[in-house]
Each structure stands twice: as C-alpha cells, then as structure tokens.
Amino acid sequence: DQSDLTGSNGIYTNPGSHGKAWERPASFEILD
C-alpha cells in the first residue's frame, strides 16, 4: 500500500524508525 511506503506513517518517509511497529505487509516477487 502506497501509504505504508510513503505516507505520514510510511516506512520510507520514516526511515530512522525501527522494530516490528515499522513493519508493513507487502508482496515479494522474483522475475527473471
């Protein structure tokens, strides 16, 4: 979710924040 990445509580806009509270659900894919 874009807000989980770059919103006010997003992990990318708060890169100094640590721990499980700053973990967000996502999808991981490998494409070759």
All heavy atoms as atom14 arrays in JSON, in Angstrom:
{
  "sequence": "DQSDLTGSNGIYTNPGSHGKAWERPASFEILD",
  "atom14_mask": [
    [1, 1, 1, 1, 1, 1, 1, 1, 0, 0, 0, 0, 0, 0],
    [1, 1, 1, 1, 1, 1, 1, 1, 1, 0, 0, 0, 0, 0],
    [1, 1, 1, 1, 1, 1, 0, 0, 0, 0, 0, 0, 0, 0],
    [1, 1, 1, 1, 1, 1, 1, 1, 0, 0, 0, 0, 0, 0],
    [1, 1, 1, 1, 1, 1, 1, 1, 0, 0, 0, 0, 0, 0],
    [1, 1, 1, 1, 1, 1, 1, 0, 0, 0, 0, 0, 0, 0],
    [1, 1, 1, 1, 0, 0, 0, 0, 0, 0, 0, 0, 0, 0],
    [1, 1, 1, 1, 1, 1, 0, 0, 0, 0, 0, 0, 0, 0],
    [1, 1, 1, 1, 1, 1, 1, 1, 0, 0, 0, 0, 0, 0],
    [1, 1, 1, 1, 0, 0, 0, 0, 0, 0, 0, 0, 0, 0],
    [1, 1, 1, 1, 1, 1, 1, 1, 0, 0, 0, 0, 0, 0],
    [1, 1, 1, 1, 1, 1, 1, 1, 1, 1, 1, 1, 0, 0],
    [1, 1, 1, 1, 1, 1, 1, 0, 0, 0, 0, 0, 0, 0],
    [1, 1, 1, 1, 1, 1, 1, 1, 0, 0, 0, 0, 0, 0],
    [1, 1, 1, 1, 1, 1, 1, 0, 0, 0, 0, 0, 0, 0],
    [1, 1, 1, 1, 0, 0, 0, 0, 0, 0, 0, 0, 0, 0],
    [1, 1, 1, 1, 1, 1, 0, 0, 0, 0, 0, 0, 0, 0],
    [1, 1, 1, 1, 1, 1, 1, 1, 1, 1, 0, 0, 0, 0],
    [1, 1, 1, 1, 0, 0, 0, 0, 0, 0, 0, 0, 0, 0],
    [1, 1, 1, 1, 1, 1, 1, 1, 1, 0, 0, 0, 0, 0],
    [1, 1, 1, 1, 1, 0, 0, 0, 0, 0, 0, 0, 0, 0],
    [1, 1, 1, 1, 1, 1, 1, 1, 1, 1, 1, 1, 1, 1],
    [1, 1, 1, 1, 1, 1, 1, 1, 1, 0, 0, 0, 0, 0],
    [1, 1, 1, 1, 1, 1, 1, 1, 1, 1, 1, 0, 0, 0],
    [1, 1, 1, 1, 1, 1, 1, 0, 0, 0, 0, 0, 0, 0],
    [1, 1, 1, 1, 1, 0, 0, 0, 0, 0, 0, 0, 0, 0],
    [1, 1, 1, 1, 1, 1, 0, 0, 0, 0, 0, 0, 0, 0],
    [1, 1, 1, 1, 1, 1, 1, 1, 1, 1, 1, 0, 0, 0],
    [1, 1, 1, 1, 1, 1, 1, 1, 1, 0, 0, 0, 0, 0],
    [1, 1, 1, 1, 1, 1, 1, 1, 0, 0, 0, 0, 0, 0],
    [1, 1, 1, 1, 1, 1, 1, 1, 0, 0, 0, 0, 0, 0],
    [1, 1, 1, 1, 1, 1, 1, 1, 0, 0, 0, 0, 0, 0]
  ],
  "atom14_positions": [
    [[0.85, -1.18, 0.0], [0.0, 0.0, 0.0], [0.89, 1.24, 0.0], [1.82, 1.34, 0.79], [-0.9, -0.01, 1.24], [-2.0, 1.03, 1.17], [-1.67, 2.23, 1.12], [-3.18, 0.64, 1.18], [0.0, 0.0, 0.0], [0.0, 0.0, 0.0], [0.0, 0.0, 0.0], [0.0, 0.0, 0.0], [0.0, 0.0, 0.0], [0.0, 0.0, 0.0]],
    [[0.59, 2.19, -0.89], [1.46, 3.36, -1.03], [1.6, 4.13, 0.27], [2.69, 4.65, 0.6], [0.92, 4.29, -2.12], [1.88, 5.38, -2.56], [3.11, 4.83, -3.25], [3.02, 3.92, -4.06], [4.27, 5.38, -2.94], [0.0, 0.0, 0.0], [0.0, 0.0, 0.0], [0.0, 0.0, 0.0], [0.0, 0.0, 0.0], [0.0, 0.0, 0.0]],
    [[0.53, 4.2, 1.07], [0.61, 4.92, 2.34], [1.54, 4.23, 3.31], [2.18, 4.87, 4.15], [-0.78, 5.07, 2.95], [-1.33, 3.81, 3.28], [0.0, 0.0, 0.0], [0.0, 0.0, 0.0], [0.0, 0.0, 0.0], [0.0, 0.0, 0.0], [0.0, 0.0, 0.0], [0.0, 0.0, 0.0], [0.0, 0.0, 0.0], [0.0, 0.0, 0.0]],
    [[1.65, 2.88, 3.23], [2.58, 2.15, 4.09], [4.02, 2.41, 3.7], [4.94, 2.18, 4.49], [2.3, 0.65, 4.02], [1.07, 0.26, 4.83], [0.64, 1.07, 5.67], [0.55, -0.85, 4.62], [0.0, 0.0, 0.0], [0.0, 0.0, 0.0], [0.0, 0.0, 0.0], [0.0, 0.0, 0.0], [0.0, 0.0, 0.0], [0.0, 0.0, 0.0]],
    [[4.21, 2.89, 2.48], [5.56, 3.17, 1.98], [5.92, 4.65, 2.14], [6.96, 4.97, 2.73], [5.64, 2.76, 0.51], [7.01, 2.61, -0.13], [7.81, 1.5, 0.55], [6.87, 2.31, -1.62], [0.0, 0.0, 0.0], [0.0, 0.0, 0.0], [0.0, 0.0, 0.0], [0.0, 0.0, 0.0], [0.0, 0.0, 0.0], [0.0, 0.0, 0.0]],
    [[5.03, 5.54, 1.67], [5.4, 6.96, 1.62], [4.41, 7.87, 2.33], [4.5, 9.09, 2.21], [5.53, 7.42, 0.15], [4.27, 7.22, -0.52], [6.61, 6.63, -0.56], [0.0, 0.0, 0.0], [0.0, 0.0, 0.0], [0.0, 0.0, 0.0], [0.0, 0.0, 0.0], [0.0, 0.0, 0.0], [0.0, 0.0, 0.0], [0.0, 0.0, 0.0]],
    [[3.44, 7.31, 3.07], [2.5, 8.14, 3.82], [3.13, 8.7, 5.08], [4.33, 8.52, 5.34], [0.0, 0.0, 0.0], [0.0, 0.0, 0.0], [0.0, 0.0, 0.0], [0.0, 0.0, 0.0], [0.0, 0.0, 0.0], [0.0, 0.0, 0.0], [0.0, 0.0, 0.0], [0.0, 0.0, 0.0], [0.0, 0.0, 0.0], [0.0, 0.0, 0.0]],
    [[2.34, 9.38, 5.9], [2.87, 10.01, 7.12], [3.45, 8.97, 8.08], [4.37, 9.27, 8.84], [1.77, 10.81, 7.82], [0.66, 9.97, 8.15], [0.0, 0.0, 0.0], [0.0, 0.0, 0.0], [0.0, 0.0, 0.0], [0.0, 0.0, 0.0], [0.0, 0.0, 0.0], [0.0, 0.0, 0.0], [0.0, 0.0, 0.0], [0.0, 0.0, 0.0]],
    [[2.92, 7.75, 8.05], [3.46, 6.66, 8.86], [4.12, 5.59, 7.99], [4.23, 4.43, 8.4], [2.36, 6.03, 9.71], [1.88, 6.96, 10.81], [2.69, 7.54, 11.53], [0.58, 7.11, 10.93], [0.0, 0.0, 0.0], [0.0, 0.0, 0.0], [0.0, 0.0, 0.0], [0.0, 0.0, 0.0], [0.0, 0.0, 0.0], [0.0, 0.0, 0.0]],
    [[4.55, 5.99, 6.81], [5.18, 5.04, 5.9], [6.62, 4.74, 6.3], [7.3, 5.57, 6.91], [0.0, 0.0, 0.0], [0.0, 0.0, 0.0], [0.0, 0.0, 0.0], [0.0, 0.0, 0.0], [0.0, 0.0, 0.0], [0.0, 0.0, 0.0], [0.0, 0.0, 0.0], [0.0, 0.0, 0.0], [0.0, 0.0, 0.0], [0.0, 0.0, 0.0]],
    [[7.08, 3.55, 5.95], [8.44, 3.17, 6.35], [9.5, 3.93, 5.57], [10.61, 4.13, 6.06], [8.65, 1.65, 6.22], [8.44, 1.18, 4.78], [7.73, 0.9, 7.17], [8.8, -0.29, 4.56], [0.0, 0.0, 0.0], [0.0, 0.0, 0.0], [0.0, 0.0, 0.0], [0.0, 0.0, 0.0], [0.0, 0.0, 0.0], [0.0, 0.0, 0.0]],
    [[9.17, 4.38, 4.35], [10.18, 5.09, 3.56], [10.29, 6.55, 3.97], [11.37, 7.15, 3.87], [9.86, 4.99, 2.06], [11.1, 4.83, 1.21], [11.65, 3.58, 0.96], [11.75, 5.94, 0.67], [12.79, 3.43, 0.2], [12.89, 5.8, -0.09], [13.41, 4.54, -0.32], [14.56, 4.4, -1.07], [0.0, 0.0, 0.0], [0.0, 0.0, 0.0]],
    [[9.21, 7.13, 4.42], [9.24, 8.52, 4.88], [9.62, 8.64, 6.35], [9.76, 9.74, 6.87], [7.89, 9.19, 4.63], [6.84, 8.29, 4.99], [7.73, 9.57, 3.17], [0.0, 0.0, 0.0], [0.0, 0.0, 0.0], [0.0, 0.0, 0.0], [0.0, 0.0, 0.0], [0.0, 0.0, 0.0], [0.0, 0.0, 0.0], [0.0, 0.0, 0.0]],
    [[9.81, 7.5, 7.01], [10.31, 7.46, 8.39], [11.42, 6.41, 8.49], [11.33, 5.45, 9.27], [9.16, 7.11, 9.36], [8.07, 8.16, 9.38], [8.17, 9.15, 10.1], [7.03, 7.95, 8.59], [0.0, 0.0, 0.0], [0.0, 0.0, 0.0], [0.0, 0.0, 0.0], [0.0, 0.0, 0.0], [0.0, 0.0, 0.0], [0.0, 0.0, 0.0]],
    [[12.48, 6.58, 7.7], [13.49, 5.51, 7.59], [14.27, 5.25, 8.87], [14.87, 4.19, 9.01], [14.41, 6.01, 6.47], [14.28, 7.51, 6.53], [12.84, 7.76, 6.88], [0.0, 0.0, 0.0], [0.0, 0.0, 0.0], [0.0, 0.0, 0.0], [0.0, 0.0, 0.0], [0.0, 0.0, 0.0], [0.0, 0.0, 0.0], [0.0, 0.0, 0.0]],
    [[14.27, 6.2, 9.79], [15.02, 6.01, 11.02], [14.28, 5.2, 12.07], [14.84, 4.87, 13.12], [0.0, 0.0, 0.0], [0.0, 0.0, 0.0], [0.0, 0.0, 0.0], [0.0, 0.0, 0.0], [0.0, 0.0, 0.0], [0.0, 0.0, 0.0], [0.0, 0.0, 0.0], [0.0, 0.0, 0.0], [0.0, 0.0, 0.0], [0.0, 0.0, 0.0]],
    [[13.02, 4.84, 11.78], [12.21, 4.1, 12.75], [12.48, 2.6, 12.65], [12.63, 2.06, 11.55], [10.72, 4.37, 12.52], [10.45, 5.76, 12.68], [0.0, 0.0, 0.0], [0.0, 0.0, 0.0], [0.0, 0.0, 0.0], [0.0, 0.0, 0.0], [0.0, 0.0, 0.0], [0.0, 0.0, 0.0], [0.0, 0.0, 0.0], [0.0, 0.0, 0.0]],
    [[12.55, 1.94, 13.82], [12.96, 0.54, 13.89], [11.86, -0.33, 14.49], [10.92, 0.15, 15.11], [14.2, 0.4, 14.79], [15.42, 1.08, 14.28], [16.51, 0.4, 13.79], [15.74, 2.41, 14.17], [17.44, 1.26, 13.41], [17.0, 2.48, 13.64], [0.0, 0.0, 0.0], [0.0, 0.0, 0.0], [0.0, 0.0, 0.0], [0.0, 0.0, 0.0]],
    [[12.0, -1.64, 14.3], [11.19, -2.61, 15.03], [9.93, -3.05, 14.32], [9.57, -2.55, 13.25], [0.0, 0.0, 0.0], [0.0, 0.0, 0.0], [0.0, 0.0, 0.0], [0.0, 0.0, 0.0], [0.0, 0.0, 0.0], [0.0, 0.0, 0.0], [0.0, 0.0, 0.0], [0.0, 0.0, 0.0], [0.0, 0.0, 0.0], [0.0, 0.0, 0.0]],
    [[9.22, -3.99, 14.97], [8.02, -4.58, 14.37], [6.94, -3.53, 14.11], [6.14, -3.69, 13.18], [7.49, -5.67, 15.31], [6.29, -6.45, 14.77], [6.68, -7.35, 13.61], [5.47, -8.06, 13.01], [4.83, -9.0, 13.95], [0.0, 0.0, 0.0], [0.0, 0.0, 0.0], [0.0, 0.0, 0.0], [0.0, 0.0, 0.0], [0.0, 0.0, 0.0]],
    [[6.91, -2.47, 14.92], [5.91, -1.43, 14.71], [6.09, -0.74, 13.36], [5.15, -0.13, 12.85], [5.98, -0.39, 15.83], [0.0, 0.0, 0.0], [0.0, 0.0, 0.0], [0.0, 0.0, 0.0], [0.0, 0.0, 0.0], [0.0, 0.0, 0.0], [0.0, 0.0, 0.0], [0.0, 0.0, 0.0], [0.0, 0.0, 0.0], [0.0, 0.0, 0.0]],
    [[7.28, -0.87, 12.78], [7.56, -0.24, 11.49], [7.78, -1.3, 10.4], [8.55, -1.11, 9.47], [8.75, 0.69, 11.62], [8.38, 1.88, 12.45], [8.54, 2.02, 13.79], [7.73, 3.06, 11.99], [8.03, 3.23, 14.21], [7.53, 3.89, 13.12], [7.29, 3.51, 10.75], [6.91, 5.14, 13.03], [6.67, 4.75, 10.65], [6.49, 5.55, 11.78]],
    [[7.04, -2.39, 10.54], [6.98, -3.43, 9.51], [5.62, -3.36, 8.84], [4.59, -3.22, 9.51], [7.2, -4.8, 10.16], [7.18, -5.97, 9.18], [7.46, -7.29, 9.9], [8.41, -7.31, 10.73], [6.72, -8.26, 9.67], [0.0, 0.0, 0.0], [0.0, 0.0, 0.0], [0.0, 0.0, 0.0], [0.0, 0.0, 0.0], [0.0, 0.0, 0.0]],
    [[5.59, -3.44, 7.51], [4.35, -3.29, 6.77], [4.11, -4.51, 5.87], [5.07, -5.06, 5.31], [4.38, -2.03, 5.91], [4.57, -0.73, 6.7], [3.36, -0.41, 7.56], [3.5, 0.86, 8.27], [3.93, 0.98, 9.52], [4.27, -0.11, 10.2], [4.02, 2.16, 10.1], [0.0, 0.0, 0.0], [0.0, 0.0, 0.0], [0.0, 0.0, 0.0]],
    [[2.85, -4.94, 5.71], [2.56, -6.08, 4.84], [2.85, -5.74, 3.39], [2.56, -4.62, 2.92], [1.06, -6.34, 5.07], [0.53, -5.03, 5.58], [1.64, -4.38, 6.36], [0.0, 0.0, 0.0], [0.0, 0.0, 0.0], [0.0, 0.0, 0.0], [0.0, 0.0, 0.0], [0.0, 0.0, 0.0], [0.0, 0.0, 0.0], [0.0, 0.0, 0.0]],
    [[3.41, -6.69, 2.66], [3.82, -6.44, 1.29], [3.83, -7.75, 0.51], [3.61, -8.84, 1.05], [5.2, -5.79, 1.25], [0.0, 0.0, 0.0], [0.0, 0.0, 0.0], [0.0, 0.0, 0.0], [0.0, 0.0, 0.0], [0.0, 0.0, 0.0], [0.0, 0.0, 0.0], [0.0, 0.0, 0.0], [0.0, 0.0, 0.0], [0.0, 0.0, 0.0]],
    [[4.09, -7.63, -0.77], [4.28, -8.78, -1.66], [5.7, -8.76, -2.19], [6.23, -7.69, -2.54], [3.28, -8.74, -2.82], [3.66, -9.65, -3.85], [0.0, 0.0, 0.0], [0.0, 0.0, 0.0], [0.0, 0.0, 0.0], [0.0, 0.0, 0.0], [0.0, 0.0, 0.0], [0.0, 0.0, 0.0], [0.0, 0.0, 0.0], [0.0, 0.0, 0.0]],
    [[6.32, -9.93, -2.26], [7.69, -10.09, -2.75], [7.65, -11.03, -3.96], [7.15, -12.14, -3.87], [8.54, -10.69, -1.63], [9.94, -11.11, -2.03], [11.01, -10.22, -1.93], [10.2, -12.41, -2.47], [12.29, -10.62, -2.27], [11.48, -12.81, -2.8], [12.53, -11.92, -2.71], [0.0, 0.0, 0.0], [0.0, 0.0, 0.0], [0.0, 0.0, 0.0]],
    [[8.17, -10.56, -5.1], [8.23, -11.38, -6.31], [9.65, -11.37, -6.87], [10.34, -10.35, -6.81], [7.31, -10.84, -7.41], [5.84, -10.94, -7.15], [5.03, -10.21, -8.22], [4.7, -10.83, -9.24], [4.77, -9.0, -8.02], [0.0, 0.0, 0.0], [0.0, 0.0, 0.0], [0.0, 0.0, 0.0], [0.0, 0.0, 0.0], [0.0, 0.0, 0.0]],
    [[10.07, -12.5, -7.42], [11.29, -12.58, -8.22], [10.89, -12.88, -9.65], [10.12, -13.82, -9.9], [12.26, -13.66, -7.69], [12.82, -13.25, -6.33], [13.4, -13.88, -8.68], [13.77, -14.26, -5.73], [0.0, 0.0, 0.0], [0.0, 0.0, 0.0], [0.0, 0.0, 0.0], [0.0, 0.0, 0.0], [0.0, 0.0, 0.0], [0.0, 0.0, 0.0]],
    [[11.39, -12.09, -10.58], [11.09, -12.24, -12.0], [12.4, -12.31, -12.77], [13.3, -11.49, -12.54], [10.27, -11.04, -12.51], [9.05, -10.64, -11.67], [8.51, -9.29, -12.12], [7.97, -11.69, -11.77], [0.0, 0.0, 0.0], [0.0, 0.0, 0.0], [0.0, 0.0, 0.0], [0.0, 0.0, 0.0], [0.0, 0.0, 0.0], [0.0, 0.0, 0.0]],
    [[12.51, -13.28, -13.68], [13.75, -13.46, -14.42], [13.46, -13.51, -15.91], [12.85, -14.46, -16.41], [14.44, -14.76, -13.98], [15.81, -14.94, -14.63], [16.27, -14.01, -15.31], [16.41, -16.01, -14.45], [0.0, 0.0, 0.0], [0.0, 0.0, 0.0], [0.0, 0.0, 0.0], [0.0, 0.0, 0.0], [0.0, 0.0, 0.0], [0.0, 0.0, 0.0]]
  ]
}
